[in-house]
Amino acid sequence: MGTRRKSRELTLQMLFQSDMGKQTPEQVRQTFWRESGDVGADVQSFAEDLFRVATDRASEIDGLIEGHAQHWRMERMAAVDRNLLRAAVAELLGFPDTPRAVVINEALEIARKFSSPESVQFINGVLDSVGKELQSSR
């Protein structure tokens, strides 16, 4: 598994911990890295960057997701799906040099690993729609 993929998976786990445990980003950082062992500086750095964008811009990200997830409110989505979408949209917003297709494909691969088969199509549709909006606004 590549460095970026591992970082994206760790970001998903950090967002999940924050969401389900109702923890602040700082609380997550304090416990998460202590429990995850040595993951390498590059992996941890990119995961931290993605997590920071996702938490700093949470309301903007959730608004984008809800605006493109027709008939789905954030709280009704599966927790893994919700947080995977947050991580991917954070990357689309915070790292515009990463091609949209790469961000979406990585999110889909992670969804195949951590979520249900039905979720893959849902995540693909939402991210494609968000990505197109962001691209047209640049």
C-alpha atoms as a PDB file:
ATOM      1  CA  MET A   1       0.000   0.000   0.000  1.00  0.00           C
ATOM      2  CA  GLY A   2       1.288   3.436  -0.926  1.00  0.00           C
ATOM      3  CA  THR A   3       2.111   6.175   1.532  1.00  0.00           C
ATOM      4  CA  ARG A   4      -0.791   8.367   0.432  1.00  0.00           C
ATOM      5  CA  ARG A   5      -3.321   5.517   0.638  1.00  0.00           C
ATOM      6  CA  LYS A   6      -2.197   4.693   4.173  1.00  0.00           C
ATOM      7  CA  SER A   7      -2.486   8.382   5.110  1.00  0.00           C
ATOM      8  CA  ARG A   8      -6.001   8.529   3.694  1.00  0.00           C
ATOM      9  CA  GLU A   9      -7.028   5.433   5.664  1.00  0.00           C
ATOM     10  CA  LEU A  10      -5.599   6.911   8.850  1.00  0.00           C
ATOM     11  CA  THR A  11      -7.442  10.170   8.192  1.00  0.00           C
ATOM     12  CA  LEU A  12     -10.683   8.204   7.856  1.00  0.00           C
ATOM     13  CA  GLN A  13      -9.966   6.509  11.185  1.00  0.00           C
ATOM     14  CA  MET A  14      -9.193   9.826  12.887  1.00  0.00           C
ATOM     15  CA  LEU A  15     -12.389  11.408  11.568  1.00  0.00           C
ATOM     16  CA  PHE A  16     -14.363   8.325  12.625  1.00  0.00           C
ATOM     17  CA  GLN A  17     -12.884   8.536  16.130  1.00  0.00           C
ATOM     18  CA  SER A  18     -13.744  12.221  16.350  1.00  0.00           C
ATOM     19  CA  ASP A  19     -17.270  11.678  15.024  1.00  0.00           C
ATOM     20  CA  MET A  20     -18.260   8.619  17.031  1.00  0.00           C
ATOM     21  CA  GLY A  21     -16.364   9.512  20.208  1.00  0.00           C
ATOM     22  CA  LYS A  22     -17.477  13.157  20.100  1.00  0.00           C
ATOM     23  CA  GLN A  23     -13.837  14.148  20.562  1.00  0.00           C
ATOM     24  CA  THR A  24     -12.147  17.385  19.608  1.00  0.00           C
ATOM     25  CA  PRO A  25      -9.427  17.255  16.953  1.00  0.00           C
ATOM     26  CA  GLU A  26      -6.819  17.781  19.660  1.00  0.00           C
ATOM     27  CA  GLN A  27      -8.171  14.879  21.745  1.00  0.00           C
ATOM     28  CA  VAL A  28      -8.059  12.651  18.667  1.00  0.00           C
ATOM     29  CA  ARG A  29      -4.462  13.636  17.878  1.00  0.00           C
ATOM     30  CA  GLN A  30      -3.341  12.926  21.436  1.00  0.00           C
ATOM     31  CA  THR A  31      -4.730   9.408  21.546  1.00  0.00           C
ATOM     32  CA  PHE A  32      -4.663   8.342  17.910  1.00  0.00           C
ATOM     33  CA  TRP A  33      -0.931   8.498  17.266  1.00  0.00           C
ATOM     34  CA  ARG A  34      -0.136   6.901  20.608  1.00  0.00           C
ATOM     35  CA  GLU A  35      -2.327   3.911  19.678  1.00  0.00           C
ATOM     36  CA  SER A  36      -1.405   3.596  15.980  1.00  0.00           C
ATOM     37  CA  GLY A  37       2.268   2.868  16.456  1.00  0.00           C
ATOM     38  CA  ASP A  38       5.037   3.974  14.139  1.00  0.00           C
ATOM     39  CA  VAL A  39       3.569   4.739  10.722  1.00  0.00           C
ATOM     40  CA  GLY A  40       6.400   6.804   9.300  1.00  0.00           C
ATOM     41  CA  ALA A  41       6.804  10.560   9.154  1.00  0.00           C
ATOM     42  CA  ASP A  42       5.490  10.973   5.587  1.00  0.00           C
ATOM     43  CA  VAL A  43       2.367   8.942   6.274  1.00  0.00           C
ATOM     44  CA  GLN A  44       1.634  10.756   9.528  1.00  0.00           C
ATOM     45  CA  SER A  45       2.310  14.182   8.035  1.00  0.00           C
ATOM     46  CA  PHE A  46      -0.130  13.796   5.133  1.00  0.00           C
ATOM     47  CA  ALA A  47      -2.764  12.219   7.402  1.00  0.00           C
ATOM     48  CA  GLU A  48      -2.414  15.165   9.796  1.00  0.00           C
ATOM     49  CA  ASP A  49      -2.722  17.634   6.907  1.00  0.00           C
ATOM     50  CA  LEU A  50      -5.905  15.977   5.621  1.00  0.00           C
ATOM     51  CA  PHE A  51      -7.371  15.732   9.127  1.00  0.00           C
ATOM     52  CA  ARG A  52      -6.616  19.412   9.753  1.00  0.00           C
ATOM     53  CA  VAL A  53      -8.376  20.512   6.551  1.00  0.00           C
ATOM     54  CA  ALA A  54     -11.323  18.207   7.313  1.00  0.00           C
ATOM     55  CA  THR A  55     -11.773  19.572  10.822  1.00  0.00           C
ATOM     56  CA  ASP A  56     -10.969  23.233  10.093  1.00  0.00           C
ATOM     57  CA  ARG A  57     -13.432  23.327   7.194  1.00  0.00           C
ATOM     58  CA  ALA A  58     -15.975  20.863   8.615  1.00  0.00           C
ATOM     59  CA  SER A  59     -19.102  22.952   8.103  1.00  0.00           C
ATOM     60  CA  GLU A  60     -18.146  23.822   4.512  1.00  0.00           C
ATOM     61  CA  ILE A  61     -17.347  20.169   3.771  1.00  0.00           C
ATOM     62  CA  ASP A  62     -20.566  18.876   5.330  1.00  0.00           C
ATOM     63  CA  GLY A  63     -22.542  21.483   3.374  1.00  0.00           C
ATOM     64  CA  LEU A  64     -20.976  20.348   0.115  1.00  0.00           C
ATOM     65  CA  ILE A  65     -21.664  16.704   0.887  1.00  0.00           C
ATOM     66  CA  GLU A  66     -25.284  17.296   1.886  1.00  0.00           C
ATOM     67  CA  GLY A  67     -25.804  19.478  -1.180  1.00  0.00           C
ATOM     68  CA  HIS A  68     -24.730  16.636  -3.463  1.00  0.00           C
ATOM     69  CA  ALA A  69     -26.073  13.632  -1.520  1.00  0.00           C
ATOM     70  CA  GLN A  70     -29.641  13.874  -2.688  1.00  0.00           C
ATOM     71  CA  HIS A  71     -32.145  13.088   0.045  1.00  0.00           C
ATOM     72  CA  TRP A  72     -29.419  12.184   2.562  1.00  0.00           C
ATOM     73  CA  ARG A  73     -28.641  14.125   5.727  1.00  0.00           C
ATOM     74  CA  MET A  74     -25.198  13.652   7.246  1.00  0.00           C
ATOM     75  CA  GLU A  75     -26.534  12.020  10.401  1.00  0.00           C
ATOM     76  CA  ARG A  76     -28.407   9.371   8.368  1.00  0.00           C
ATOM     77  CA  MET A  77     -25.322   8.256   6.435  1.00  0.00           C
ATOM     78  CA  ALA A  78     -23.290   5.315   7.657  1.00  0.00           C
ATOM     79  CA  ALA A  79     -20.493   6.652   9.852  1.00  0.00           C
ATOM     80  CA  VAL A  80     -17.749   5.174   7.657  1.00  0.00           C
ATOM     81  CA  ASP A  81     -19.286   6.646   4.506  1.00  0.00           C
ATOM     82  CA  ARG A  82     -19.817  10.059   6.096  1.00  0.00           C
ATOM     83  CA  ASN A  83     -16.237  10.280   7.281  1.00  0.00           C
ATOM     84  CA  LEU A  84     -14.756   8.895   4.082  1.00  0.00           C
ATOM     85  CA  LEU A  85     -16.648  11.572   2.160  1.00  0.00           C
ATOM     86  CA  ARG A  86     -15.346  14.210   4.586  1.00  0.00           C
ATOM     87  CA  ALA A  87     -11.762  13.069   4.088  1.00  0.00           C
ATOM     88  CA  ALA A  88     -12.062  13.008   0.294  1.00  0.00           C
ATOM     89  CA  VAL A  89     -13.774  16.411   0.070  1.00  0.00           C
ATOM     90  CA  ALA A  90     -11.101  17.800   2.396  1.00  0.00           C
ATOM     91  CA  GLU A  91      -8.486  16.572  -0.046  1.00  0.00           C
ATOM     92  CA  LEU A  92     -10.364  18.067  -3.004  1.00  0.00           C
ATOM     93  CA  LEU A  93     -10.500  21.424  -1.187  1.00  0.00           C
ATOM     94  CA  GLY A  94      -7.115  21.471   0.497  1.00  0.00           C
ATOM     95  CA  PHE A  95      -4.962  19.805  -2.145  1.00  0.00           C
ATOM     96  CA  PRO A  96      -6.194  21.057  -5.531  1.00  0.00           C
ATOM     97  CA  ASP A  97      -3.024  19.807  -7.244  1.00  0.00           C
ATOM     98  CA  THR A  98      -4.088  16.211  -6.636  1.00  0.00           C
ATOM     99  CA  PRO A  99      -6.181  15.187  -9.658  1.00  0.00           C
ATOM    100  CA  ARG A 100      -9.884  14.810  -8.879  1.00  0.00           C
ATOM    101  CA  ALA A 101      -9.901  11.316 -10.411  1.00  0.00           C
ATOM    102  CA  VAL A 102      -7.113  10.216  -8.064  1.00  0.00           C
ATOM    103  CA  VAL A 103      -8.949  11.484  -4.982  1.00  0.00           C
ATOM    104  CA  ILE A 104     -12.170   9.766  -6.052  1.00  0.00           C
ATOM    105  CA  ASN A 105     -10.485   6.482  -7.000  1.00  0.00           C
ATOM    106  CA  GLU A 106      -8.597   6.362  -3.712  1.00  0.00           C
ATOM    107  CA  ALA A 107     -11.812   7.010  -1.778  1.00  0.00           C
ATOM    108  CA  LEU A 108     -13.540   4.206  -3.688  1.00  0.00           C
ATOM    109  CA  GLU A 109     -10.727   1.752  -2.941  1.00  0.00           C
ATOM    110  CA  ILE A 110     -10.918   2.635   0.750  1.00  0.00           C
ATOM    111  CA  ALA A 111     -14.721   2.282   0.639  1.00  0.00           C
ATOM    112  CA  ARG A 112     -14.339  -1.210  -0.848  1.00  0.00           C
ATOM    113  CA  LYS A 113     -12.160  -2.101   2.130  1.00  0.00           C
ATOM    114  CA  PHE A 114     -14.121  -0.475   4.965  1.00  0.00           C
ATOM    115  CA  SER A 115     -17.714  -0.088   3.760  1.00  0.00           C
ATOM    116  CA  SER A 116     -20.483  -1.935   1.930  1.00  0.00           C
ATOM    117  CA  PRO A 117     -20.674  -2.557  -1.834  1.00  0.00           C
ATOM    118  CA  GLU A 118     -23.707  -0.254  -2.083  1.00  0.00           C
ATOM    119  CA  SER A 119     -21.738   2.530  -0.449  1.00  0.00           C
ATOM    120  CA  VAL A 120     -19.147   2.537  -3.223  1.00  0.00           C
ATOM    121  CA  GLN A 121     -21.687   3.765  -5.783  1.00  0.00           C
ATOM    122  CA  PHE A 122     -23.082   6.349  -3.367  1.00  0.00           C
ATOM    123  CA  ILE A 123     -19.618   7.698  -2.528  1.00  0.00           C
ATOM    124  CA  ASN A 124     -18.655   7.776  -6.198  1.00  0.00           C
ATOM    125  CA  GLY A 125     -21.745   9.786  -7.118  1.00  0.00           C
ATOM    126  CA  VAL A 126     -21.354  12.310  -4.318  1.00  0.00           C
ATOM    127  CA  LEU A 127     -17.633  12.850  -4.877  1.00  0.00           C
ATOM    128  CA  ASP A 128     -18.011  13.148  -8.639  1.00  0.00           C
ATOM    129  CA  SER A 129     -20.696  15.788  -8.198  1.00  0.00           C
ATOM    130  CA  VAL A 130     -18.746  17.715  -5.526  1.00  0.00           C
ATOM    131  CA  GLY A 131     -15.589  17.504  -7.621  1.00  0.00           C
ATOM    132  CA  LYS A 132     -17.318  18.928 -10.682  1.00  0.00           C
ATOM    133  CA  GLU A 133     -18.718  21.833  -8.666  1.00  0.00           C
ATOM    134  CA  LEU A 134     -15.331  22.625  -7.172  1.00  0.00           C
ATOM    135  CA  GLN A 135     -13.630  22.421 -10.551  1.00  0.00           C
ATOM    136  CA  SER A 136     -16.156  24.758 -12.166  1.00  0.00           C
ATOM    137  CA  SER A 137     -15.711  27.306  -9.366  1.00  0.00           C
ATOM    138  CA  ARG A 138     -11.935  27.492  -9.791  1.00  0.00           C
END
